[in-house]
């Protein structure tokens, strides 16, 4: 049975935002104009979601995340605590002609705590970004990246466990076809 979203009394949610059914918006969250959040999401304490951001269904946005205009998040994405997104490649307080550079987080991706996602990248389906990593370029599907700058360390299954060199996951007994980028 679907229910209206739960919005904590301390949250500041624009009347122009669309929040999906069964979504929970917790303490001190700010959701700006024209935001779209899907069904069955959790938006945790102290999250800021800038105008025009799109978040899919079944996503978990952990504490103290800032998601700025230009970011799109697909279904079933996990965004760990204190993840930082950017949206300006040349940030200057005095630049009145600044331009938003879009960022896309594909279905099922997981972004570890305190990671930074520099604008203009695409995080592939079911990719994982390790805690504290700084993502400066696209992450292919199923890649596990870590470091500063983030580099591919391994590949992971949809279930989150490491794949062998043939794309086999012994944890769930499946094989995944991998897109390996040259030079990685």
C-alpha atoms as a PDB file:
ATOM      1  CA  UNK A   1       0.000   0.000   0.000  1.00  0.00           C
ATOM      2  CA  UNK A   2       1.390   3.387  -1.008  1.00  0.00           C
ATOM      3  CA  UNK A   3       1.352   6.281   1.419  1.00  0.00           C
ATOM      4  CA  UNK A   4       2.115   9.953   1.263  1.00  0.00           C
ATOM      5  CA  UNK A   5       5.700  10.943   1.950  1.00  0.00           C
ATOM      6  CA  UNK A   6       6.742  11.619   5.532  1.00  0.00           C
ATOM      7  CA  UNK A   7       8.272  15.066   5.967  1.00  0.00           C
ATOM      8  CA  UNK A   8       9.734  15.895   9.377  1.00  0.00           C
ATOM      9  CA  UNK A   9       8.386  19.192  10.820  1.00  0.00           C
ATOM     10  CA  UNK A  10      11.895  20.736  10.813  1.00  0.00           C
ATOM     11  CA  UNK A  11      12.401  20.087   7.074  1.00  0.00           C
ATOM     12  CA  UNK A  12      12.084  22.986   4.645  1.00  0.00           C
ATOM     13  CA  UNK A  13      10.505  21.606   1.465  1.00  0.00           C
ATOM     14  CA  UNK A  14       9.466  23.883  -1.394  1.00  0.00           C
ATOM     15  CA  UNK A  15       5.844  23.635  -2.452  1.00  0.00           C
ATOM     16  CA  UNK A  16       7.207  23.280  -5.998  1.00  0.00           C
ATOM     17  CA  UNK A  17       9.087  20.056  -5.134  1.00  0.00           C
ATOM     18  CA  UNK A  18       7.611  16.658  -5.987  1.00  0.00           C
ATOM     19  CA  UNK A  19       8.245  14.009  -3.336  1.00  0.00           C
ATOM     20  CA  UNK A  20       7.253  10.400  -4.107  1.00  0.00           C
ATOM     21  CA  UNK A  21       5.114   8.054  -2.056  1.00  0.00           C
ATOM     22  CA  UNK A  22       6.656   6.310   0.961  1.00  0.00           C
ATOM     23  CA  UNK A  23       9.649   8.663   0.858  1.00  0.00           C
ATOM     24  CA  UNK A  24      10.934   9.889   4.210  1.00  0.00           C
ATOM     25  CA  UNK A  25      12.461  13.356   4.604  1.00  0.00           C
ATOM     26  CA  UNK A  26      14.153  13.749   7.978  1.00  0.00           C
ATOM     27  CA  UNK A  27      15.423  16.451  10.362  1.00  0.00           C
ATOM     28  CA  UNK A  28      16.753  19.790   9.019  1.00  0.00           C
ATOM     29  CA  UNK A  29      16.524  18.819   5.343  1.00  0.00           C
ATOM     30  CA  UNK A  30      16.132  21.575   2.753  1.00  0.00           C
ATOM     31  CA  UNK A  31      14.593  20.687  -0.613  1.00  0.00           C
ATOM     32  CA  UNK A  32      14.427  23.503  -3.156  1.00  0.00           C
ATOM     33  CA  UNK A  33      12.103  24.366  -6.052  1.00  0.00           C
ATOM     34  CA  UNK A  34      11.421  21.898  -8.881  1.00  0.00           C
ATOM     35  CA  UNK A  35      13.189  18.993  -7.163  1.00  0.00           C
ATOM     36  CA  UNK A  36      11.816  15.562  -8.078  1.00  0.00           C
ATOM     37  CA  UNK A  37      12.353  12.663  -5.671  1.00  0.00           C
ATOM     38  CA  UNK A  38      10.951   9.210  -6.434  1.00  0.00           C
ATOM     39  CA  UNK A  39       9.100   6.700  -4.285  1.00  0.00           C
ATOM     40  CA  UNK A  40      10.553   4.819  -1.296  1.00  0.00           C
ATOM     41  CA  UNK A  41      13.546   7.101  -0.754  1.00  0.00           C
ATOM     42  CA  UNK A  42      15.222   8.120   2.485  1.00  0.00           C
ATOM     43  CA  UNK A  43      16.580  11.659   2.745  1.00  0.00           C
ATOM     44  CA  UNK A  44      18.498  11.768   6.020  1.00  0.00           C
ATOM     45  CA  UNK A  45      19.318  14.526   8.503  1.00  0.00           C
ATOM     46  CA  UNK A  46      20.892  17.819   7.337  1.00  0.00           C
ATOM     47  CA  UNK A  47      20.658  17.110   3.573  1.00  0.00           C
ATOM     48  CA  UNK A  48      20.487  20.015   1.099  1.00  0.00           C
ATOM     49  CA  UNK A  49      18.950  19.398  -2.342  1.00  0.00           C
ATOM     50  CA  UNK A  50      19.265  22.325  -4.748  1.00  0.00           C
ATOM     51  CA  UNK A  51      16.649  23.358  -7.294  1.00  0.00           C
ATOM     52  CA  UNK A  52      15.934  21.180 -10.361  1.00  0.00           C
ATOM     53  CA  UNK A  53      17.727  18.092  -8.943  1.00  0.00           C
ATOM     54  CA  UNK A  54      16.228  14.719  -9.862  1.00  0.00           C
ATOM     55  CA  UNK A  55      16.492  11.660  -7.598  1.00  0.00           C
ATOM     56  CA  UNK A  56      15.024   8.319  -8.673  1.00  0.00           C
ATOM     57  CA  UNK A  57      13.127   5.652  -6.727  1.00  0.00           C
ATOM     58  CA  UNK A  58      14.483   3.618  -3.792  1.00  0.00           C
ATOM     59  CA  UNK A  59      17.464   5.882  -3.116  1.00  0.00           C
ATOM     60  CA  UNK A  60      19.186   6.465   0.228  1.00  0.00           C
ATOM     61  CA  UNK A  61      20.734   9.869   0.814  1.00  0.00           C
ATOM     62  CA  UNK A  62      22.661   9.798   4.103  1.00  0.00           C
ATOM     63  CA  UNK A  63      23.344  12.649   6.581  1.00  0.00           C
ATOM     64  CA  UNK A  64      24.872  15.991   5.573  1.00  0.00           C
ATOM     65  CA  UNK A  65      24.914  15.482   1.791  1.00  0.00           C
ATOM     66  CA  UNK A  66      24.670  18.504  -0.523  1.00  0.00           C
ATOM     67  CA  UNK A  67      23.269  17.812  -3.979  1.00  0.00           C
ATOM     68  CA  UNK A  68      23.541  20.842  -6.259  1.00  0.00           C
ATOM     69  CA  UNK A  69      21.688  21.902  -9.379  1.00  0.00           C
ATOM     70  CA  UNK A  70      22.875  19.895 -12.375  1.00  0.00           C
ATOM     71  CA  UNK A  71      23.054  16.558 -10.524  1.00  0.00           C
ATOM     72  CA  UNK A  72      20.767  13.704 -11.594  1.00  0.00           C
ATOM     73  CA  UNK A  73      20.548  10.499  -9.567  1.00  0.00           C
ATOM     74  CA  UNK A  74      18.850   7.410 -10.996  1.00  0.00           C
ATOM     75  CA  UNK A  75      17.033   4.601  -9.112  1.00  0.00           C
ATOM     76  CA  UNK A  76      18.479   2.540  -6.223  1.00  0.00           C
ATOM     77  CA  UNK A  77      21.476   4.811  -5.581  1.00  0.00           C
ATOM     78  CA  UNK A  78      23.195   4.977  -2.188  1.00  0.00           C
ATOM     79  CA  UNK A  79      24.806   8.320  -1.287  1.00  0.00           C
ATOM     80  CA  UNK A  80      26.887   7.999   1.892  1.00  0.00           C
ATOM     81  CA  UNK A  81      27.248  10.590   4.653  1.00  0.00           C
ATOM     82  CA  UNK A  82      28.931  13.886   3.766  1.00  0.00           C
ATOM     83  CA  UNK A  83      29.225  13.164   0.031  1.00  0.00           C
ATOM     84  CA  UNK A  84      29.970  16.420  -1.800  1.00  0.00           C
ATOM     85  CA  UNK A  85      28.795  17.139  -5.328  1.00  0.00           C
ATOM     86  CA  UNK A  86      30.043  20.138  -7.306  1.00  0.00           C
ATOM     87  CA  UNK A  87      28.419  21.856 -10.274  1.00  0.00           C
ATOM     88  CA  UNK A  88      30.885  24.533 -11.435  1.00  0.00           C
ATOM     89  CA  UNK A  89      34.213  23.706 -13.122  1.00  0.00           C
ATOM     90  CA  UNK A  90      35.590  27.213 -12.588  1.00  0.00           C
ATOM     91  CA  UNK A  91      34.247  28.409  -9.236  1.00  0.00           C
ATOM     92  CA  UNK A  92      34.757  32.081  -8.429  1.00  0.00           C
ATOM     93  CA  UNK A  93      32.613  34.095  -6.035  1.00  0.00           C
ATOM     94  CA  UNK A  94      32.717  37.054  -8.443  1.00  0.00           C
ATOM     95  CA  UNK A  95      31.947  35.149 -11.685  1.00  0.00           C
ATOM     96  CA  UNK A  96      28.460  36.234 -12.757  1.00  0.00           C
ATOM     97  CA  UNK A  97      28.585  34.150 -15.968  1.00  0.00           C
ATOM     98  CA  UNK A  98      29.270  30.772 -14.352  1.00  0.00           C
ATOM     99  CA  UNK A  99      27.864  27.678 -15.989  1.00  0.00           C
ATOM    100  CA  UNK A 100      26.435  24.511 -14.462  1.00  0.00           C
ATOM    101  CA  UNK A 101      28.180  21.318 -15.561  1.00  0.00           C
ATOM    102  CA  UNK A 102      25.842  18.290 -15.242  1.00  0.00           C
ATOM    103  CA  UNK A 103      26.654  15.109 -13.297  1.00  0.00           C
ATOM    104  CA  UNK A 104      24.863  11.767 -13.645  1.00  0.00           C
ATOM    105  CA  UNK A 105      24.786   8.924 -11.118  1.00  0.00           C
ATOM    106  CA  UNK A 106      23.430   5.788 -12.802  1.00  0.00           C
ATOM    107  CA  UNK A 107      21.160   3.112 -11.336  1.00  0.00           C
ATOM    108  CA  UNK A 108      22.438   1.116  -8.374  1.00  0.00           C
ATOM    109  CA  UNK A 109      25.659   3.074  -7.855  1.00  0.00           C
ATOM    110  CA  UNK A 110      27.027   3.558  -4.316  1.00  0.00           C
ATOM    111  CA  UNK A 111      28.980   6.632  -3.218  1.00  0.00           C
ATOM    112  CA  UNK A 112      31.017   6.132  -0.037  1.00  0.00           C
ATOM    113  CA  UNK A 113      31.151   8.517   2.907  1.00  0.00           C
ATOM    114  CA  UNK A 114      33.048  11.777   2.391  1.00  0.00           C
ATOM    115  CA  UNK A 115      33.615  11.170  -1.311  1.00  0.00           C
ATOM    116  CA  UNK A 116      33.690  14.167  -3.647  1.00  0.00           C
ATOM    117  CA  UNK A 117      32.076  13.977  -7.072  1.00  0.00           C
ATOM    118  CA  UNK A 118      33.518  16.668  -9.336  1.00  0.00           C
ATOM    119  CA  UNK A 119      30.949  17.942 -11.834  1.00  0.00           C
ATOM    120  CA  UNK A 120      30.771  16.677 -15.380  1.00  0.00           C
ATOM    121  CA  UNK A 121      31.240  12.984 -14.614  1.00  0.00           C
ATOM    122  CA  UNK A 122      29.027   9.947 -15.006  1.00  0.00           C
ATOM    123  CA  UNK A 123      29.073   7.249 -12.349  1.00  0.00           C
ATOM    124  CA  UNK A 124      28.129   3.987 -14.106  1.00  0.00           C
ATOM    125  CA  UNK A 125      25.460   1.448 -13.160  1.00  0.00           C
ATOM    126  CA  UNK A 126      26.303  -0.483  -9.981  1.00  0.00           C
ATOM    127  CA  UNK A 127      29.680   1.254  -9.649  1.00  0.00           C
ATOM    128  CA  UNK A 128      31.096   1.875  -6.168  1.00  0.00           C
ATOM    129  CA  UNK A 129      33.080   4.893  -5.003  1.00  0.00           C
ATOM    130  CA  UNK A 130      35.164   4.173  -1.903  1.00  0.00           C
ATOM    131  CA  UNK A 131      34.911   6.437   1.132  1.00  0.00           C
ATOM    132  CA  UNK A 132      36.983   9.614   0.869  1.00  0.00           C
ATOM    133  CA  UNK A 133      37.625   9.278  -2.871  1.00  0.00           C
ATOM    134  CA  UNK A 134      37.684  12.225  -5.270  1.00  0.00           C
ATOM    135  CA  UNK A 135      36.019  11.357  -8.592  1.00  0.00           C
ATOM    136  CA  UNK A 136      37.378  13.534 -11.413  1.00  0.00           C
ATOM    137  CA  UNK A 137      36.433  11.415 -14.443  1.00  0.00           C
ATOM    138  CA  UNK A 138      33.741   8.976 -15.553  1.00  0.00           C
ATOM    139  CA  UNK A 139      33.427   5.697 -13.653  1.00  0.00           C
ATOM    140  CA  UNK A 140      32.441   2.704 -15.807  1.00  0.00           C
ATOM    141  CA  UNK A 141      29.622   0.369 -14.781  1.00  0.00           C
ATOM    142  CA  UNK A 142      30.518  -2.046 -11.937  1.00  0.00           C
ATOM    143  CA  UNK A 143      33.891  -0.347 -11.277  1.00  0.00           C
ATOM    144  CA  UNK A 144      35.129   0.059  -7.709  1.00  0.00           C
ATOM    145  CA  UNK A 145      37.134   3.286  -7.584  1.00  0.00           C
ATOM    146  CA  UNK A 146      39.180   4.702  -4.736  1.00  0.00           C
ATOM    147  CA  UNK A 147      41.758   7.365  -4.000  1.00  0.00           C
ATOM    148  CA  UNK A 148      42.497  10.953  -4.945  1.00  0.00           C
ATOM    149  CA  UNK A 149      42.042  11.068  -7.824  1.00  0.00           C
ATOM    150  CA  UNK A 150      39.826   7.981  -7.846  1.00  0.00           C
ATOM    151  CA  UNK A 151      41.175   5.092  -9.913  1.00  0.00           C
ATOM    152  CA  UNK A 152      39.725   1.687 -10.697  1.00  0.00           C
ATOM    153  CA  UNK A 153      40.733  -0.847  -8.062  1.00  0.00           C
ATOM    154  CA  UNK A 154      38.417  -3.740  -9.002  1.00  0.00           C
ATOM    155  CA  UNK A 155      34.999  -4.505 -10.448  1.00  0.00           C
ATOM    156  CA  UNK A 156      31.931  -5.425  -8.412  1.00  0.00           C
ATOM    157  CA  UNK A 157      28.744  -7.358  -8.987  1.00  0.00           C
ATOM    158  CA  UNK A 158      25.285  -5.832  -8.686  1.00  0.00           C
ATOM    159  CA  UNK A 159      25.260  -7.445  -5.213  1.00  0.00           C
ATOM    160  CA  UNK A 160      28.372  -5.394  -4.288  1.00  0.00           C
ATOM    161  CA  UNK A 161      30.970  -8.172  -4.059  1.00  0.00           C
ATOM    162  CA  UNK A 162      34.166  -8.230  -6.135  1.00  0.00           C
ATOM    163  CA  UNK A 163      34.148  -9.960  -9.498  1.00  0.00           C
ATOM    164  CA  UNK A 164      36.956 -12.167 -10.747  1.00  0.00           C
ATOM    165  CA  UNK A 165      38.758 -11.398 -14.022  1.00  0.00           C
ATOM    166  CA  UNK A 166      36.033 -13.151 -16.012  1.00  0.00           C
ATOM    167  CA  UNK A 167      33.245 -11.146 -14.325  1.00  0.00           C
ATOM    168  CA  UNK A 168      32.120 -14.006 -12.087  1.00  0.00           C
ATOM    169  CA  UNK A 169      30.756 -13.340  -8.585  1.00  0.00           C
ATOM    170  CA  UNK A 170      31.131 -16.264  -6.197  1.00  0.00           C
ATOM    171  CA  UNK A 171      28.837 -14.565  -3.649  1.00  0.00           C
ATOM    172  CA  UNK A 172      25.721 -14.697  -5.832  1.00  0.00           C
ATOM    173  CA  UNK A 173      26.884 -17.108  -8.541  1.00  0.00           C
ATOM    174  CA  UNK A 174      26.376 -14.721 -11.461  1.00  0.00           C
ATOM    175  CA  UNK A 175      28.542 -13.437 -14.298  1.00  0.00           C
ATOM    176  CA  UNK A 176      28.601  -9.773 -15.303  1.00  0.00           C
ATOM    177  CA  UNK A 177      29.772  -8.503 -18.682  1.00  0.00           C
ATOM    178  CA  UNK A 178      32.220  -5.678 -17.949  1.00  0.00           C
ATOM    179  CA  UNK A 179      32.956  -2.495 -19.867  1.00  0.00           C
ATOM    180  CA  UNK A 180      36.668  -1.952 -19.274  1.00  0.00           C
ATOM    181  CA  UNK A 181      38.060   1.401 -20.350  1.00  0.00           C
ATOM    182  CA  UNK A 182      41.450   1.494 -22.037  1.00  0.00           C
ATOM    183  CA  UNK A 183      44.282   2.940 -19.978  1.00  0.00           C
ATOM    184  CA  UNK A 184      42.797   1.849 -16.628  1.00  0.00           C
END
